[in-house]
Amino acid sequence: MVDVAMTTTLVLRYADVGVATYASLRIVGRPERTVTWVVHEPIVLAALAELRGALPDPDGDESLADALDRALTRGPFATARGELTLAYILGALLIAEPAWQLISECLADPRPVLFVSPSARLARIPWAAVAVPLTGPSPEELVAARKEAVTFTGTTAASIPWQLADIDAVTEGVRLMEMADVVMAVPPNIVHAPRAPARWSERRCAPALLVLDPRVPGQRPDSALGSVLGRPSSEGALSRHFGDLLEHRAVLPEVTAPVELFRRSDADRRWLATLLQRAPSRMLFVGHASAADRAHGYADRAALHLACTAAAEGAAESVGDHRPLLASDLMAAQLPVPPRVALLACGSGGDYQFDEATGLVAAMVLCGSELVTATLWSLPTTAGYRRFTGRAEDPMAEVVMAVDDAHEADDAVLSVNRWQRAQMRRWRDGDATASPLYWAAVVTFAVGGAR
């Protein structure tokens, strides 16, 4: 075991270079322990093909509804066995055995902290959920699969001879997040850019800014940009949660009842800018976001959907009577963002998909935040989950409450990881309502030692 008198910090980094992805794992302060390896393109494509089948994003000619139905009822994230199989495959393909060994040698109490800096290709991998493999394809089998995947017409995903009849024979199901607290590293170009950071230690007693399911102009509640959380109810779990928060913490906007926080039609960019000027301690946004189109290559085209009409100023094209708020708009306005931000919106944590990682997370950091919790893919809305599963539970509300509680805690990173571990264990023990479509999607980006 590595002798750790204090929390050990590791950095897992990937870089796409030509047709290969180069990886390294190092212990901060112990450069002699660095492990490096290469993940060849056919292997990367194989991992991404496995993940693609699990996500609620349309594949090919699927509609949004078809994709959500597949993800919730038939895909790898629909059953505990399917999810564990996916987690095992990702762990076997993307993290080399010497790297797993190094992580295991750092096991301690408290857990080590693992910062992940993925490449553009691997930006949506749910790193916290990947499973430690006991065994896997032999080097000879992987080489043969790679060679077969490279042809004169191009490179395809490697066809790997997995032995998955008994998943318990190839993995004990231990997850990376059980070995370490997993954090996403903010890209260096963002960390080192000129900015005026806000400090949690200085702001923690200030009001919390809550932007909860703003009403997008011209959108029906059941439309693509409609309600994420469903019809507000004073008796609902979320109203009770935020009612409890109101009893011991000032919030923005000021309301007389928690139900008034939801589906606001005044929550546009001017409203947001005005409240940010009041220096809140943190911001929680729950709603819709649009990922930037990778084909155009500009991460700063990612957007939040507030209650802005098309008359609002901004660089985005209007969507009917609505103008999205781009990451580039946020950065240009230099809005004073609080030290902690949660963006529980569709693929809000997708910055790393671009060479210039200037998406929504980067915008928050450049405008002052030191810790941002976001999502790797679209979370099924409350209505969508209930429609396709037939269940009455509300895992979307659970995510909102868990992240809100975590951002109130002294150590938000630890609190998010602790909740994810608890959800994963519920899922592993047979609780179908603890869907990995929610807990595996949540990631936290931290600047330096921010927790």
Protein backbone atom coordinates (compact mmCIF):
# COMPACT_ATOMS: atom_id res chain seq x y z
CA MET A 1 0.00 0.00 0.00
CA VAL A 2 1.07 3.57 -0.66
CA ASP A 3 1.79 5.45 2.56
CA VAL A 4 -0.71 8.31 2.63
CA ALA A 5 -0.66 10.70 5.57
CA MET A 6 -3.33 12.79 3.84
CA THR A 7 -5.74 12.39 0.95
CA THR A 8 -3.98 11.04 -2.12
CA THR A 9 -4.75 12.77 -5.42
CA LEU A 10 -4.56 10.96 -8.75
CA VAL A 11 -5.00 12.31 -12.26
CA LEU A 12 -6.37 10.16 -15.10
CA ARG A 13 -5.80 11.84 -18.44
CA TYR A 14 -6.63 10.92 -22.05
CA ALA A 15 -5.56 12.61 -25.29
CA ASP A 16 -6.68 11.80 -28.83
CA VAL A 17 -3.65 11.83 -31.11
CA GLY A 18 -4.33 10.74 -34.67
CA VAL A 19 -5.90 7.29 -34.70
CA ALA A 20 -5.07 6.47 -31.09
CA THR A 21 -5.94 7.74 -27.64
CA TYR A 22 -3.04 8.04 -25.21
CA ALA A 23 -3.72 7.63 -21.51
CA SER A 24 -1.85 8.20 -18.28
CA LEU A 25 -2.51 7.84 -14.57
CA ARG A 26 -0.30 9.58 -12.04
CA ILE A 27 -0.19 10.25 -8.34
CA VAL A 28 0.26 13.95 -7.66
CA GLY A 29 3.68 14.40 -6.08
CA ARG A 30 4.82 10.90 -7.07
CA PRO A 31 5.79 11.17 -10.78
CA GLU A 32 7.81 7.94 -10.61
CA ARG A 33 4.53 6.01 -10.14
CA THR A 34 3.02 7.21 -13.45
CA VAL A 35 1.39 4.56 -15.65
CA THR A 36 0.83 5.09 -19.39
CA TRP A 37 -0.99 3.09 -22.08
CA VAL A 38 -2.59 3.43 -25.51
CA VAL A 39 -6.22 2.79 -26.49
CA HIS A 40 -6.34 2.18 -30.23
CA GLU A 41 -9.13 3.64 -32.34
CA PRO A 42 -11.08 0.38 -32.94
CA ILE A 43 -11.12 -0.23 -29.17
CA VAL A 44 -12.31 3.33 -28.48
CA LEU A 45 -15.05 2.89 -31.09
CA ALA A 46 -16.08 -0.40 -29.50
CA ALA A 47 -16.44 1.28 -26.10
CA LEU A 48 -18.45 4.14 -27.57
CA ALA A 49 -20.75 1.75 -29.44
CA GLU A 50 -21.55 -0.03 -26.17
CA LEU A 51 -22.29 3.27 -24.42
CA ARG A 52 -24.36 4.64 -27.30
CA GLY A 53 -26.88 1.84 -26.92
CA ALA A 54 -27.46 2.84 -23.30
CA LEU A 55 -28.09 6.56 -23.68
CA PRO A 56 -31.45 8.27 -24.25
CA ASP A 57 -30.19 10.04 -27.38
CA PRO A 58 -31.66 9.18 -30.80
CA ASP A 59 -29.47 6.74 -32.73
CA GLY A 60 -29.93 6.65 -36.49
CA ASP A 61 -33.57 7.27 -37.40
CA GLU A 62 -34.87 6.93 -33.83
CA SER A 63 -37.23 9.59 -32.55
CA LEU A 64 -36.68 11.15 -29.12
CA ALA A 65 -39.51 9.03 -27.75
CA ASP A 66 -38.05 5.86 -29.29
CA ALA A 67 -34.64 6.63 -27.78
CA LEU A 68 -36.11 7.23 -24.34
CA ASP A 69 -38.17 4.04 -24.53
CA ARG A 70 -35.07 2.02 -25.52
CA ALA A 71 -32.90 3.53 -22.79
CA LEU A 72 -35.46 2.99 -20.03
CA THR A 73 -36.83 -0.41 -21.01
CA ARG A 74 -34.40 -2.34 -23.24
CA GLY A 75 -30.92 -0.80 -23.20
CA PRO A 76 -27.97 -1.61 -20.92
CA PHE A 77 -29.18 0.88 -18.31
CA ALA A 78 -32.58 -0.85 -18.10
CA THR A 79 -31.37 -3.80 -15.99
CA ALA A 80 -28.73 -4.31 -13.32
CA ARG A 81 -27.05 -7.06 -15.33
CA GLY A 82 -26.96 -4.95 -18.50
CA GLU A 83 -25.55 -1.95 -16.66
CA LEU A 84 -22.88 -4.03 -14.91
CA THR A 85 -21.91 -5.59 -18.24
CA LEU A 86 -21.49 -2.13 -19.78
CA ALA A 87 -19.52 -0.91 -16.75
CA TYR A 88 -17.24 -3.96 -17.02
CA ILE A 89 -16.66 -3.48 -20.76
CA LEU A 90 -15.76 0.19 -20.29
CA GLY A 91 -13.42 -0.67 -17.42
CA ALA A 92 -11.71 -3.43 -19.40
CA LEU A 93 -11.28 -1.42 -22.60
CA LEU A 94 -10.37 2.04 -21.34
CA ILE A 95 -8.32 1.54 -18.15
CA ALA A 96 -5.24 -0.67 -18.37
CA GLU A 97 -4.59 -3.34 -15.76
CA PRO A 98 -1.49 -1.53 -14.34
CA ALA A 99 -3.67 1.57 -13.85
CA TRP A 100 -6.28 -0.41 -11.93
CA GLN A 101 -3.44 -1.82 -9.85
CA LEU A 102 -2.11 1.65 -9.06
CA ILE A 103 -5.55 2.83 -7.97
CA SER A 104 -5.94 -0.21 -5.72
CA GLU A 105 -2.58 0.52 -4.10
CA CYS A 106 -3.88 3.98 -3.16
CA LEU A 107 -6.95 2.73 -1.32
CA ALA A 108 -7.23 4.48 2.01
CA ASP A 109 -9.60 6.16 4.43
CA PRO A 110 -10.42 8.83 3.40
CA ARG A 111 -10.69 7.73 -0.22
CA PRO A 112 -8.20 9.17 -2.70
CA VAL A 113 -9.48 11.84 -5.08
CA LEU A 114 -9.29 10.99 -8.77
CA PHE A 115 -9.39 13.87 -11.26
CA VAL A 116 -10.40 12.75 -14.76
CA SER A 117 -9.42 14.69 -17.86
CA PRO A 118 -10.97 12.81 -20.81
CA SER A 119 -10.30 13.27 -24.49
CA ALA A 120 -12.99 14.55 -26.87
CA ARG A 121 -13.89 11.00 -27.88
CA LEU A 122 -14.28 9.85 -24.30
CA ALA A 123 -16.04 12.96 -22.97
CA ARG A 124 -19.32 11.18 -22.15
CA ILE A 125 -17.93 8.09 -20.44
CA PRO A 126 -19.47 7.74 -16.94
CA TRP A 127 -16.09 7.24 -15.28
CA ALA A 128 -17.39 6.90 -11.74
CA ALA A 129 -19.53 3.92 -12.73
CA VAL A 130 -16.92 1.84 -14.60
CA ALA A 131 -16.24 -1.53 -13.01
CA VAL A 132 -12.94 -3.17 -12.11
CA PRO A 133 -12.37 -6.20 -14.37
CA LEU A 134 -11.09 -9.46 -12.94
CA THR A 135 -10.24 -10.74 -16.38
CA GLY A 136 -10.87 -9.81 -19.99
CA PRO A 137 -9.91 -10.49 -23.58
CA SER A 138 -6.28 -11.52 -24.03
CA PRO A 139 -3.80 -9.13 -25.68
CA GLU A 140 -3.74 -11.46 -28.68
CA GLU A 141 -7.54 -11.32 -29.00
CA LEU A 142 -7.53 -7.52 -28.81
CA VAL A 143 -4.81 -7.24 -31.44
CA ALA A 144 -6.71 -9.56 -33.77
CA ALA A 145 -9.95 -7.60 -33.24
CA ARG A 146 -8.15 -4.32 -33.95
CA LYS A 147 -6.66 -5.63 -37.18
CA GLU A 148 -10.02 -6.88 -38.44
CA ALA A 149 -11.59 -3.48 -37.72
CA VAL A 150 -9.15 -1.60 -39.96
CA THR A 151 -9.98 -1.95 -43.66
CA PHE A 152 -9.45 -0.02 -46.88
CA THR A 153 -12.86 1.60 -46.41
CA GLY A 154 -12.08 2.88 -42.92
CA THR A 155 -11.91 1.91 -39.26
CA THR A 156 -14.87 0.41 -37.45
CA ALA A 157 -15.52 -0.69 -33.87
CA ALA A 158 -13.55 -3.78 -32.95
CA SER A 159 -15.60 -6.97 -32.61
CA ILE A 160 -14.28 -8.32 -29.31
CA PRO A 161 -14.81 -11.94 -28.17
CA TRP A 162 -16.30 -11.18 -24.76
CA GLN A 163 -17.05 -13.98 -22.31
CA LEU A 164 -20.19 -12.58 -20.70
CA ALA A 165 -22.34 -15.64 -20.00
CA ASP A 166 -21.49 -15.24 -16.30
CA ILE A 167 -20.77 -11.57 -15.61
CA ASP A 168 -19.87 -12.38 -11.99
CA ALA A 169 -16.93 -14.46 -13.25
CA VAL A 170 -15.28 -11.47 -14.95
CA THR A 171 -15.98 -8.70 -12.42
CA GLU A 172 -16.94 -8.44 -8.77
CA GLY A 173 -18.80 -5.24 -9.62
CA VAL A 174 -16.50 -2.88 -7.71
CA ARG A 175 -16.81 0.59 -9.24
CA LEU A 176 -14.23 3.31 -9.66
CA MET A 177 -16.28 5.59 -7.38
CA GLU A 178 -16.01 2.98 -4.62
CA MET A 179 -12.23 3.20 -4.83
CA ALA A 180 -11.93 6.99 -5.14
CA ASP A 181 -13.96 10.19 -5.12
CA VAL A 182 -14.20 10.94 -8.83
CA VAL A 183 -14.00 14.55 -10.05
CA MET A 184 -13.76 16.03 -13.53
CA ALA A 185 -10.76 18.28 -14.03
CA VAL A 186 -11.55 21.69 -15.50
CA PRO A 187 -9.58 22.07 -18.76
CA PRO A 188 -6.25 23.87 -18.14
CA ASN A 189 -6.96 26.58 -20.72
CA ILE A 190 -10.02 27.57 -18.67
CA VAL A 191 -8.36 27.34 -15.26
CA HIS A 192 -5.49 29.58 -16.33
CA ALA A 193 -7.59 32.13 -18.22
CA PRO A 194 -8.12 35.56 -16.63
CA ARG A 195 -11.11 35.40 -14.29
CA ALA A 196 -12.35 36.71 -10.94
CA PRO A 197 -13.15 33.59 -8.89
CA ALA A 198 -15.80 33.64 -6.19
CA ARG A 199 -14.97 31.73 -3.00
CA TRP A 200 -17.38 29.42 -1.19
CA SER A 201 -15.70 30.25 2.11
CA GLU A 202 -16.66 33.89 1.61
CA ARG A 203 -20.15 33.35 0.16
CA ARG A 204 -21.52 30.30 1.94
CA CYS A 205 -23.95 32.31 4.10
CA ALA A 206 -25.39 34.27 1.17
CA PRO A 207 -28.74 33.31 -0.41
CA ALA A 208 -28.97 30.37 -2.82
CA LEU A 209 -30.19 31.19 -6.33
CA LEU A 210 -32.75 28.65 -7.57
CA VAL A 211 -33.73 28.52 -11.24
CA LEU A 212 -36.21 25.65 -11.34
CA ASP A 213 -37.79 24.52 -14.61
CA PRO A 214 -38.27 27.99 -16.14
CA ARG A 215 -41.17 28.31 -18.56
CA VAL A 216 -39.76 28.51 -22.11
CA PRO A 217 -41.91 30.87 -24.23
CA GLY A 218 -44.10 29.21 -26.83
CA GLN A 219 -43.50 25.69 -25.52
CA ARG A 220 -46.26 23.40 -24.30
CA PRO A 221 -45.54 21.58 -21.01
CA ASP A 222 -45.27 18.26 -22.91
CA SER A 223 -43.14 19.58 -25.79
CA ALA A 224 -39.40 19.10 -26.33
CA LEU A 225 -38.65 22.26 -24.31
CA GLY A 226 -41.58 21.83 -21.96
CA SER A 227 -41.60 21.00 -18.27
CA VAL A 228 -38.75 18.92 -16.85
CA LEU A 229 -40.23 18.42 -13.39
CA GLY A 230 -43.93 18.28 -14.20
CA ARG A 231 -46.78 20.33 -12.82
CA PRO A 232 -45.74 22.16 -9.62
CA SER A 233 -47.55 21.00 -6.50
CA SER A 234 -47.34 22.37 -2.99
CA GLU A 235 -47.57 18.76 -1.76
CA GLY A 236 -44.84 17.37 -4.02
CA ALA A 237 -41.48 16.09 -2.84
CA LEU A 238 -39.61 19.00 -4.42
CA SER A 239 -41.85 21.64 -2.84
CA ARG A 240 -41.36 19.98 0.55
CA HIS A 241 -37.59 19.83 -0.01
CA PHE A 242 -37.29 23.48 -0.92
CA GLY A 243 -39.74 24.41 1.81
CA ASP A 244 -37.29 22.87 4.30
CA LEU A 245 -34.47 24.82 2.65
CA LEU A 246 -36.43 28.07 3.00
CA GLU A 247 -36.70 27.51 6.75
CA HIS A 248 -32.95 27.79 7.30
CA ARG A 249 -31.56 29.53 4.22
CA ALA A 250 -32.46 32.68 2.29
CA VAL A 251 -33.06 32.02 -1.40
CA LEU A 252 -33.40 33.98 -4.59
CA PRO A 253 -35.89 34.81 -5.92
CA GLU A 254 -37.70 35.74 -2.73
CA VAL A 255 -40.95 33.80 -2.53
CA THR A 256 -43.74 33.30 -0.01
CA ALA A 257 -44.19 29.59 -0.85
CA PRO A 258 -41.78 27.07 -2.41
CA VAL A 259 -44.18 26.26 -5.26
CA GLU A 260 -43.53 29.80 -6.56
CA LEU A 261 -39.96 28.79 -7.41
CA PHE A 262 -41.08 26.52 -10.26
CA ARG A 263 -42.08 27.23 -13.87
CA ARG A 264 -41.50 30.96 -13.61
CA SER A 265 -42.23 32.96 -16.76
CA ASP A 266 -40.06 35.90 -15.61
CA ALA A 267 -36.85 33.84 -15.31
CA ASP A 268 -35.13 35.27 -18.38
CA ARG A 269 -31.54 36.43 -18.85
CA ARG A 270 -32.18 39.92 -17.41
CA TRP A 271 -33.81 38.37 -14.33
CA LEU A 272 -30.83 36.05 -13.97
CA ALA A 273 -28.31 38.87 -14.35
CA THR A 274 -30.11 40.96 -11.74
CA LEU A 275 -30.10 38.14 -9.18
CA LEU A 276 -26.47 37.25 -9.88
CA GLN A 277 -25.52 40.84 -9.03
CA ARG A 278 -26.74 40.11 -5.49
CA ALA A 279 -23.80 37.72 -4.99
CA PRO A 280 -25.59 34.45 -4.14
CA SER A 281 -23.66 31.62 -2.52
CA ARG A 282 -24.59 29.09 -5.18
CA MET A 283 -26.89 28.54 -8.15
CA LEU A 284 -29.06 25.54 -8.98
CA PHE A 285 -30.46 25.40 -12.52
CA VAL A 286 -32.90 22.65 -13.42
CA GLY A 287 -34.28 22.79 -16.92
CA HIS A 288 -33.29 22.40 -20.54
CA ALA A 289 -29.91 22.84 -22.18
CA SER A 290 -28.83 22.28 -25.76
CA ALA A 291 -25.45 20.76 -26.50
CA ALA A 292 -23.37 22.40 -29.18
CA ASP A 293 -23.27 20.60 -32.52
CA ARG A 294 -19.92 18.82 -32.75
CA ALA A 295 -20.09 19.10 -36.55
CA HIS A 296 -19.66 22.88 -36.24
CA GLY A 297 -16.84 22.56 -33.72
CA TYR A 298 -17.77 25.36 -31.32
CA ALA A 299 -18.44 24.38 -27.70
CA ASP A 300 -19.63 27.91 -26.87
CA ARG A 301 -22.80 27.24 -28.88
CA ALA A 302 -24.11 25.16 -25.99
CA ALA A 303 -27.11 26.91 -24.45
CA LEU A 304 -29.43 27.16 -21.47
CA HIS A 305 -33.15 27.60 -22.08
CA LEU A 306 -34.54 30.27 -19.78
CA ALA A 307 -37.81 32.17 -20.09
CA CYS A 308 -36.28 34.45 -22.73
CA THR A 309 -38.43 35.57 -25.63
CA ALA A 310 -37.05 35.95 -29.14
CA ALA A 311 -36.75 39.69 -28.46
CA ALA A 312 -33.90 39.04 -26.00
CA GLU A 313 -30.43 40.05 -27.15
CA GLY A 314 -28.05 37.20 -27.86
CA ALA A 315 -26.08 35.30 -30.48
CA ALA A 316 -28.40 32.28 -30.70
CA GLU A 317 -30.97 31.76 -33.42
CA SER A 318 -34.49 32.02 -32.06
CA VAL A 319 -36.61 28.92 -31.54
CA GLY A 320 -40.11 30.15 -32.24
CA ASP A 321 -40.73 32.90 -29.67
CA HIS A 322 -37.68 31.89 -27.61
CA ARG A 323 -33.98 32.78 -27.75
CA PRO A 324 -31.60 30.38 -25.96
CA LEU A 325 -28.80 31.75 -23.78
CA LEU A 326 -25.49 30.60 -25.27
CA ALA A 327 -22.33 29.86 -23.32
CA SER A 328 -20.74 32.58 -25.46
CA ASP A 329 -23.45 35.02 -24.30
CA LEU A 330 -22.63 34.22 -20.66
CA MET A 331 -18.93 34.74 -21.20
CA ALA A 332 -19.42 37.96 -23.16
CA ALA A 333 -21.68 39.40 -20.45
CA GLN A 334 -19.18 38.40 -17.72
CA LEU A 335 -22.01 37.66 -15.33
CA PRO A 336 -20.80 37.25 -11.73
CA VAL A 337 -21.45 33.53 -11.22
CA PRO A 338 -21.33 32.16 -7.63
CA PRO A 339 -18.66 29.70 -6.43
CA ARG A 340 -20.91 26.66 -6.73
CA VAL A 341 -23.19 25.94 -9.68
CA ALA A 342 -25.36 22.94 -10.52
CA LEU A 343 -26.64 22.61 -14.08
CA LEU A 344 -29.11 19.72 -14.11
CA ALA A 345 -29.92 19.96 -17.77
CA CYS A 346 -29.47 17.93 -20.95
CA GLY A 347 -25.77 17.19 -21.51
CA SER A 348 -24.66 20.35 -19.70
CA GLY A 349 -21.29 18.77 -18.88
CA GLY A 350 -20.26 18.17 -22.49
CA ASP A 351 -17.36 20.64 -22.68
CA TYR A 352 -14.71 17.99 -23.27
CA GLN A 353 -16.35 16.90 -26.54
CA PHE A 354 -14.59 19.84 -28.19
CA ASP A 355 -10.93 20.67 -28.66
CA GLU A 356 -11.68 24.15 -27.30
CA ALA A 357 -13.66 23.22 -24.19
CA THR A 358 -15.60 26.48 -23.89
CA GLY A 359 -19.09 25.15 -23.16
CA LEU A 360 -21.46 25.77 -20.28
CA VAL A 361 -19.11 24.49 -17.57
CA ALA A 362 -16.29 26.65 -18.89
CA ALA A 363 -18.61 29.67 -19.00
CA MET A 364 -19.48 29.18 -15.34
CA VAL A 365 -15.83 28.84 -14.34
CA LEU A 366 -14.70 31.82 -16.41
CA CYS A 367 -17.46 33.88 -14.78
CA GLY A 368 -16.32 32.97 -11.26
CA SER A 369 -17.41 29.47 -10.25
CA GLU A 370 -14.92 27.04 -8.68
CA LEU A 371 -17.18 23.97 -8.68
CA VAL A 372 -19.80 22.96 -11.26
CA THR A 373 -22.02 19.88 -11.16
CA ALA A 374 -23.47 18.97 -14.55
CA THR A 375 -24.72 15.99 -16.57
CA LEU A 376 -23.10 13.93 -19.34
CA TRP A 377 -26.35 13.23 -21.21
CA SER A 378 -30.03 14.11 -21.19
CA LEU A 379 -31.87 13.07 -18.05
CA PRO A 380 -35.36 11.66 -18.70
CA THR A 381 -37.99 14.11 -17.52
CA THR A 382 -40.40 13.10 -14.79
CA ALA A 383 -43.17 12.62 -17.36
CA GLY A 384 -40.91 10.66 -19.70
CA TYR A 385 -39.74 8.30 -16.97
CA ARG A 386 -43.28 7.58 -15.82
CA ARG A 387 -44.60 7.15 -19.36
CA PHE A 388 -42.14 4.46 -20.40
CA THR A 389 -41.58 2.63 -17.11
CA GLY A 390 -45.13 2.75 -15.79
CA ARG A 391 -43.75 3.63 -12.36
CA ALA A 392 -44.97 6.41 -10.08
CA GLU A 393 -41.54 7.22 -8.62
CA ASP A 394 -39.67 10.39 -9.61
CA PRO A 395 -35.89 9.81 -9.94
CA MET A 396 -35.49 13.24 -11.55
CA ALA A 397 -36.71 14.84 -8.33
CA GLU A 398 -34.28 12.63 -6.38
CA VAL A 399 -31.36 13.95 -8.44
CA VAL A 400 -32.42 17.56 -7.88
CA MET A 401 -32.76 17.11 -4.11
CA ALA A 402 -29.51 15.16 -3.79
CA VAL A 403 -27.43 17.70 -5.72
CA ASP A 404 -29.06 20.60 -3.91
CA ASP A 405 -28.20 18.99 -0.56
CA ALA A 406 -24.65 18.24 -1.75
CA HIS A 407 -24.06 21.87 -2.72
CA GLU A 408 -25.13 22.94 0.76
CA ALA A 409 -22.53 20.63 2.35
CA ASP A 410 -19.01 21.56 3.39
CA ASP A 411 -17.58 19.11 0.83
CA ALA A 412 -19.81 19.10 -2.25
CA VAL A 413 -17.56 16.70 -4.18
CA LEU A 414 -17.67 14.10 -1.43
CA SER A 415 -21.42 14.54 -0.99
CA VAL A 416 -22.17 14.02 -4.70
CA ASN A 417 -19.93 10.93 -4.80
CA ARG A 418 -21.53 9.58 -1.61
CA TRP A 419 -25.02 9.94 -3.11
CA GLN A 420 -23.91 8.24 -6.33
CA ARG A 421 -22.46 5.32 -4.38
CA ALA A 422 -25.68 4.96 -2.41
CA GLN A 423 -27.77 5.02 -5.60
CA MET A 424 -25.50 2.50 -7.32
CA ARG A 425 -25.79 0.13 -4.35
CA ARG A 426 -29.59 0.47 -4.33
CA TRP A 427 -29.55 -0.38 -8.05
CA ARG A 428 -27.14 -3.27 -7.51
CA ASP A 429 -29.39 -4.62 -4.75
CA GLY A 430 -32.39 -4.72 -7.07
CA ASP A 431 -34.09 -1.32 -6.68
CA ALA A 432 -35.17 -0.59 -10.25
CA THR A 433 -36.13 3.00 -9.37
CA ALA A 434 -32.46 3.91 -8.75
CA SER A 435 -31.85 4.15 -12.49
CA PRO A 436 -28.25 4.69 -13.69
CA LEU A 437 -29.61 6.98 -16.39
CA TYR A 438 -29.68 9.54 -13.57
CA TRP A 439 -26.87 8.85 -11.08
CA ALA A 440 -24.27 7.79 -13.66
CA ALA A 441 -24.84 10.98 -15.66
CA VAL A 442 -23.90 13.36 -12.84
CA VAL A 443 -20.36 14.75 -12.81
CA THR A 444 -18.66 17.51 -10.84
CA PHE A 445 -15.95 19.76 -12.28
CA ALA A 446 -13.64 21.37 -9.74
CA VAL A 447 -10.94 24.01 -10.00
CA GLY A 448 -7.81 23.14 -8.05
CA GLY A 449 -8.64 22.12 -4.51
CA ALA A 450 -12.26 23.31 -4.55
CA ARG A 451 -14.51 20.77 -2.86
